[in-house]
Amino acid sequence: MIRVSVLYPHTAGARFDWAYYLGSHMPLVARRFGAAARTTTIEQGIGGGAPDAPAPYVAIASFTFDSVPAFQAAFAPHAQELMADIPNYTSIQPVIQISELKSGA
């Protein structure tokens, strides 16, 4: 299993429209990824590790897929549409990471 994380770094003066993101963008992503995305998690940053520190990320969206090819097959046909929607909710350039999920103690 892999996880695709889309991280939106906290950036001074940046715009992030949570209503659009949750009400329009994420439902669009869910429709396009379909059942290939096994799980989806959306996080809103509320703080950093130190007391009163700001969150390093405004938002993090995570999707689990069976494999990198499964993600690529779900994303590639819709990449242009999904990427073109980003300016509708944020001025932040997202950072994307693909990780292999490991289990441990």
N, C-alpha and C. Protein backbone atom coordinates (compact mmCIF):
# COMPACT_ATOMS: atom_id res chain seq x y z
N MET A 1 0.86 -1.18 0.00
CA MET A 1 0.00 0.00 0.00
C MET A 1 0.90 1.23 0.00
N ILE A 2 0.39 2.26 -0.67
CA ILE A 2 1.10 3.53 -0.67
C ILE A 2 0.16 4.64 -0.21
N ARG A 3 0.77 5.72 0.23
CA ARG A 3 -0.01 6.90 0.59
C ARG A 3 0.50 8.05 -0.26
N VAL A 4 -0.43 8.78 -0.85
CA VAL A 4 -0.11 10.00 -1.57
C VAL A 4 -0.57 11.15 -0.68
N SER A 5 0.39 11.98 -0.27
CA SER A 5 0.09 13.12 0.58
C SER A 5 0.25 14.40 -0.21
N VAL A 6 -0.74 15.26 -0.09
CA VAL A 6 -0.70 16.58 -0.72
C VAL A 6 -0.66 17.58 0.43
N LEU A 7 0.49 18.24 0.58
CA LEU A 7 0.73 19.13 1.71
C LEU A 7 0.73 20.58 1.24
N TYR A 8 0.04 21.42 1.97
CA TYR A 8 -0.05 22.84 1.66
C TYR A 8 0.70 23.60 2.74
N PRO A 9 1.97 23.98 2.49
CA PRO A 9 2.78 24.65 3.51
C PRO A 9 2.18 25.98 3.94
N HIS A 10 2.25 26.24 5.24
CA HIS A 10 1.81 27.53 5.77
C HIS A 10 2.71 28.60 5.16
N THR A 11 2.10 29.55 4.48
CA THR A 11 2.84 30.60 3.78
C THR A 11 2.21 31.94 4.13
N ALA A 12 3.02 32.87 4.60
CA ALA A 12 2.50 34.18 4.98
C ALA A 12 1.76 34.82 3.81
N GLY A 13 0.56 35.31 4.10
CA GLY A 13 -0.24 36.01 3.10
C GLY A 13 -0.96 35.12 2.11
N ALA A 14 -0.81 33.81 2.24
CA ALA A 14 -1.44 32.88 1.30
C ALA A 14 -2.94 32.77 1.59
N ARG A 15 -3.67 32.37 0.56
CA ARG A 15 -5.12 32.18 0.66
C ARG A 15 -5.43 30.70 0.60
N PHE A 16 -6.35 30.25 1.47
CA PHE A 16 -6.85 28.88 1.42
C PHE A 16 -8.33 28.92 1.78
N ASP A 17 -9.18 28.58 0.82
CA ASP A 17 -10.63 28.63 0.98
C ASP A 17 -11.12 27.23 1.37
N TRP A 18 -11.31 27.03 2.67
CA TRP A 18 -11.73 25.72 3.16
C TRP A 18 -13.10 25.31 2.64
N ALA A 19 -14.02 26.26 2.51
CA ALA A 19 -15.37 25.94 2.03
C ALA A 19 -15.30 25.37 0.61
N TYR A 20 -14.53 25.99 -0.26
CA TYR A 20 -14.41 25.49 -1.63
C TYR A 20 -13.67 24.15 -1.64
N TYR A 21 -12.60 24.08 -0.86
CA TYR A 21 -11.78 22.86 -0.83
C TYR A 21 -12.62 21.65 -0.41
N LEU A 22 -13.37 21.81 0.68
CA LEU A 22 -14.17 20.69 1.19
C LEU A 22 -15.46 20.47 0.39
N GLY A 23 -16.05 21.53 -0.11
CA GLY A 23 -17.34 21.42 -0.79
C GLY A 23 -17.26 21.15 -2.28
N SER A 24 -16.14 21.52 -2.92
CA SER A 24 -16.03 21.34 -4.36
C SER A 24 -14.82 20.52 -4.79
N HIS A 25 -13.63 20.92 -4.33
CA HIS A 25 -12.42 20.26 -4.83
C HIS A 25 -12.32 18.80 -4.37
N MET A 26 -12.46 18.56 -3.09
CA MET A 26 -12.31 17.18 -2.61
C MET A 26 -13.40 16.25 -3.15
N PRO A 27 -14.66 16.67 -3.27
CA PRO A 27 -15.64 15.80 -3.93
C PRO A 27 -15.26 15.50 -5.39
N LEU A 28 -14.68 16.48 -6.09
CA LEU A 28 -14.21 16.26 -7.46
C LEU A 28 -13.11 15.20 -7.46
N VAL A 29 -12.14 15.34 -6.56
CA VAL A 29 -11.06 14.36 -6.46
C VAL A 29 -11.63 12.97 -6.17
N ALA A 30 -12.57 12.89 -5.25
CA ALA A 30 -13.16 11.59 -4.88
C ALA A 30 -13.85 10.95 -6.09
N ARG A 31 -14.56 11.74 -6.87
CA ARG A 31 -15.22 11.20 -8.07
C ARG A 31 -14.20 10.70 -9.08
N ARG A 32 -13.14 11.46 -9.27
CA ARG A 32 -12.14 11.08 -10.27
C ARG A 32 -11.30 9.88 -9.83
N PHE A 33 -10.93 9.81 -8.56
CA PHE A 33 -10.14 8.67 -8.08
C PHE A 33 -10.99 7.42 -7.92
N GLY A 34 -12.26 7.59 -7.60
CA GLY A 34 -13.16 6.45 -7.43
C GLY A 34 -12.65 5.48 -6.38
N ALA A 35 -12.94 4.21 -6.59
CA ALA A 35 -12.59 3.17 -5.62
C ALA A 35 -11.09 2.91 -5.56
N ALA A 36 -10.32 3.44 -6.51
CA ALA A 36 -8.87 3.25 -6.48
C ALA A 36 -8.26 3.86 -5.22
N ALA A 37 -8.84 4.96 -4.74
CA ALA A 37 -8.39 5.57 -3.49
C ALA A 37 -9.08 4.82 -2.35
N ARG A 38 -8.32 3.98 -1.67
CA ARG A 38 -8.88 3.14 -0.60
C ARG A 38 -9.36 3.96 0.59
N THR A 39 -8.58 4.97 0.97
CA THR A 39 -8.98 5.87 2.06
C THR A 39 -8.56 7.28 1.69
N THR A 40 -9.28 8.23 2.25
CA THR A 40 -8.95 9.65 2.09
C THR A 40 -9.03 10.29 3.46
N THR A 41 -8.02 11.10 3.79
CA THR A 41 -8.00 11.82 5.05
C THR A 41 -7.66 13.28 4.76
N ILE A 42 -8.38 14.18 5.38
CA ILE A 42 -8.11 15.61 5.24
C ILE A 42 -7.80 16.16 6.62
N GLU A 43 -6.68 16.88 6.71
CA GLU A 43 -6.25 17.46 7.99
C GLU A 43 -6.14 18.97 7.85
N GLN A 44 -6.58 19.68 8.88
CA GLN A 44 -6.38 21.13 8.95
C GLN A 44 -5.36 21.39 10.05
N GLY A 45 -4.25 22.00 9.70
CA GLY A 45 -3.20 22.29 10.68
C GLY A 45 -3.67 23.29 11.71
N ILE A 46 -3.42 22.96 12.98
CA ILE A 46 -3.83 23.87 14.06
C ILE A 46 -2.68 24.29 14.96
N GLY A 47 -1.51 23.68 14.82
CA GLY A 47 -0.37 24.09 15.64
C GLY A 47 0.86 23.27 15.32
N GLY A 48 2.00 23.81 15.73
CA GLY A 48 3.27 23.12 15.57
C GLY A 48 3.63 22.34 16.82
N GLY A 49 4.84 21.82 16.86
CA GLY A 49 5.28 21.00 17.99
C GLY A 49 5.52 21.77 19.27
N ALA A 50 5.94 23.01 19.16
CA ALA A 50 6.21 23.85 20.33
C ALA A 50 4.93 24.59 20.73
N PRO A 51 4.79 24.92 22.01
CA PRO A 51 3.61 25.67 22.44
C PRO A 51 3.45 26.97 21.64
N ASP A 52 2.24 27.21 21.19
CA ASP A 52 1.88 28.42 20.44
C ASP A 52 2.56 28.54 19.08
N ALA A 53 3.23 27.50 18.61
CA ALA A 53 3.86 27.53 17.29
C ALA A 53 2.79 27.33 16.22
N PRO A 54 2.91 28.02 15.10
CA PRO A 54 1.94 27.81 14.02
C PRO A 54 2.14 26.44 13.37
N ALA A 55 1.10 25.93 12.79
CA ALA A 55 1.18 24.66 12.07
C ALA A 55 2.07 24.85 10.85
N PRO A 56 2.94 23.89 10.56
CA PRO A 56 3.77 24.02 9.36
C PRO A 56 2.96 23.88 8.07
N TYR A 57 1.79 23.23 8.14
CA TYR A 57 0.95 23.04 6.97
C TYR A 57 -0.46 23.53 7.27
N VAL A 58 -1.05 24.25 6.33
CA VAL A 58 -2.43 24.70 6.43
C VAL A 58 -3.36 23.49 6.31
N ALA A 59 -3.02 22.61 5.35
CA ALA A 59 -3.84 21.44 5.08
C ALA A 59 -2.97 20.30 4.57
N ILE A 60 -3.42 19.09 4.85
CA ILE A 60 -2.79 17.88 4.31
C ILE A 60 -3.92 16.95 3.89
N ALA A 61 -3.88 16.53 2.64
CA ALA A 61 -4.81 15.51 2.14
C ALA A 61 -4.00 14.26 1.87
N SER A 62 -4.49 13.13 2.36
CA SER A 62 -3.79 11.86 2.18
C SER A 62 -4.74 10.84 1.57
N PHE A 63 -4.21 10.09 0.62
CA PHE A 63 -4.97 9.06 -0.08
C PHE A 63 -4.15 7.78 -0.05
N THR A 64 -4.78 6.66 0.24
CA THR A 64 -4.08 5.39 0.14
C THR A 64 -4.54 4.66 -1.12
N PHE A 65 -3.57 4.04 -1.77
CA PHE A 65 -3.78 3.27 -3.00
C PHE A 65 -3.06 1.94 -2.84
N ASP A 66 -3.44 0.96 -3.62
CA ASP A 66 -2.79 -0.34 -3.56
C ASP A 66 -1.34 -0.27 -4.01
N SER A 67 -1.03 0.64 -4.96
CA SER A 67 0.32 0.71 -5.52
C SER A 67 0.50 2.05 -6.24
N VAL A 68 1.75 2.34 -6.59
CA VAL A 68 2.02 3.53 -7.38
C VAL A 68 1.32 3.44 -8.74
N PRO A 69 1.37 2.30 -9.44
CA PRO A 69 0.63 2.22 -10.71
C PRO A 69 -0.88 2.45 -10.54
N ALA A 70 -1.46 2.00 -9.42
CA ALA A 70 -2.89 2.23 -9.18
C ALA A 70 -3.17 3.72 -9.03
N PHE A 71 -2.29 4.42 -8.31
CA PHE A 71 -2.43 5.87 -8.19
C PHE A 71 -2.29 6.54 -9.54
N GLN A 72 -1.27 6.19 -10.27
CA GLN A 72 -1.03 6.80 -11.58
C GLN A 72 -2.20 6.59 -12.53
N ALA A 73 -2.78 5.40 -12.50
CA ALA A 73 -3.93 5.10 -13.36
C ALA A 73 -5.15 5.94 -12.98
N ALA A 74 -5.31 6.22 -11.68
CA ALA A 74 -6.45 7.02 -11.22
C ALA A 74 -6.22 8.51 -11.46
N PHE A 75 -4.98 8.96 -11.32
CA PHE A 75 -4.67 10.38 -11.40
C PHE A 75 -4.43 10.88 -12.82
N ALA A 76 -3.67 10.15 -13.59
CA ALA A 76 -3.21 10.64 -14.91
C ALA A 76 -4.34 11.13 -15.83
N PRO A 77 -5.45 10.39 -15.96
CA PRO A 77 -6.50 10.86 -16.88
C PRO A 77 -7.15 12.17 -16.44
N HIS A 78 -6.99 12.53 -15.16
CA HIS A 78 -7.67 13.70 -14.60
C HIS A 78 -6.69 14.75 -14.09
N ALA A 79 -5.40 14.54 -14.29
CA ALA A 79 -4.39 15.43 -13.73
C ALA A 79 -4.61 16.88 -14.12
N GLN A 80 -4.83 17.13 -15.38
CA GLN A 80 -4.99 18.51 -15.84
C GLN A 80 -6.19 19.18 -15.17
N GLU A 81 -7.31 18.48 -15.11
CA GLU A 81 -8.51 19.03 -14.48
C GLU A 81 -8.30 19.31 -13.00
N LEU A 82 -7.71 18.36 -12.29
CA LEU A 82 -7.51 18.51 -10.85
C LEU A 82 -6.51 19.63 -10.54
N MET A 83 -5.44 19.69 -11.29
CA MET A 83 -4.43 20.72 -11.05
C MET A 83 -4.98 22.11 -11.42
N ALA A 84 -5.80 22.19 -12.44
CA ALA A 84 -6.38 23.47 -12.85
C ALA A 84 -7.35 24.02 -11.82
N ASP A 85 -7.87 23.16 -10.94
CA ASP A 85 -8.82 23.60 -9.92
C ASP A 85 -8.12 24.21 -8.70
N ILE A 86 -6.85 23.98 -8.54
CA ILE A 86 -6.14 24.45 -7.35
C ILE A 86 -6.27 25.96 -7.14
N PRO A 87 -6.09 26.81 -8.15
CA PRO A 87 -6.22 28.26 -7.91
C PRO A 87 -7.60 28.69 -7.43
N ASN A 88 -8.61 27.83 -7.57
CA ASN A 88 -9.94 28.17 -7.09
C ASN A 88 -10.03 28.17 -5.57
N TYR A 89 -9.09 27.51 -4.88
CA TYR A 89 -9.16 27.47 -3.42
C TYR A 89 -7.89 27.91 -2.71
N THR A 90 -6.76 28.00 -3.41
CA THR A 90 -5.56 28.40 -2.70
C THR A 90 -4.54 29.05 -3.62
N SER A 91 -3.69 29.86 -3.01
CA SER A 91 -2.54 30.44 -3.70
C SER A 91 -1.26 29.69 -3.31
N ILE A 92 -1.40 28.65 -2.52
CA ILE A 92 -0.26 27.86 -2.05
C ILE A 92 0.10 26.80 -3.09
N GLN A 93 1.37 26.66 -3.36
CA GLN A 93 1.86 25.59 -4.24
C GLN A 93 1.94 24.31 -3.41
N PRO A 94 1.14 23.29 -3.70
CA PRO A 94 1.17 22.07 -2.90
C PRO A 94 2.45 21.27 -3.13
N VAL A 95 2.81 20.53 -2.09
CA VAL A 95 3.94 19.61 -2.13
C VAL A 95 3.34 18.20 -2.11
N ILE A 96 3.77 17.35 -3.02
CA ILE A 96 3.21 16.00 -3.11
C ILE A 96 4.29 15.00 -2.74
N GLN A 97 3.92 14.07 -1.88
CA GLN A 97 4.83 12.98 -1.50
C GLN A 97 4.12 11.66 -1.64
N ILE A 98 4.81 10.69 -2.21
CA ILE A 98 4.32 9.32 -2.29
C ILE A 98 5.16 8.48 -1.34
N SER A 99 4.49 7.78 -0.44
CA SER A 99 5.17 6.99 0.58
C SER A 99 4.69 5.55 0.55
N GLU A 100 5.58 4.65 0.89
CA GLU A 100 5.19 3.25 1.07
C GLU A 100 4.82 3.09 2.54
N LEU A 101 3.67 2.49 2.78
CA LEU A 101 3.22 2.29 4.15
C LEU A 101 3.91 1.08 4.75
N LYS A 102 4.43 1.26 5.95
CA LYS A 102 5.11 0.19 6.69
C LYS A 102 4.37 -0.01 8.00
N SER A 103 4.43 -1.20 8.52
CA SER A 103 3.86 -1.42 9.85
C SER A 103 4.99 -1.79 10.78
N GLY A 104 4.83 -1.45 12.03
CA GLY A 104 5.85 -1.74 13.03
C GLY A 104 5.25 -1.65 14.41
N ALA A 105 6.11 -1.81 15.39
CA ALA A 105 5.66 -1.80 16.80
C ALA A 105 5.26 -0.44 17.24
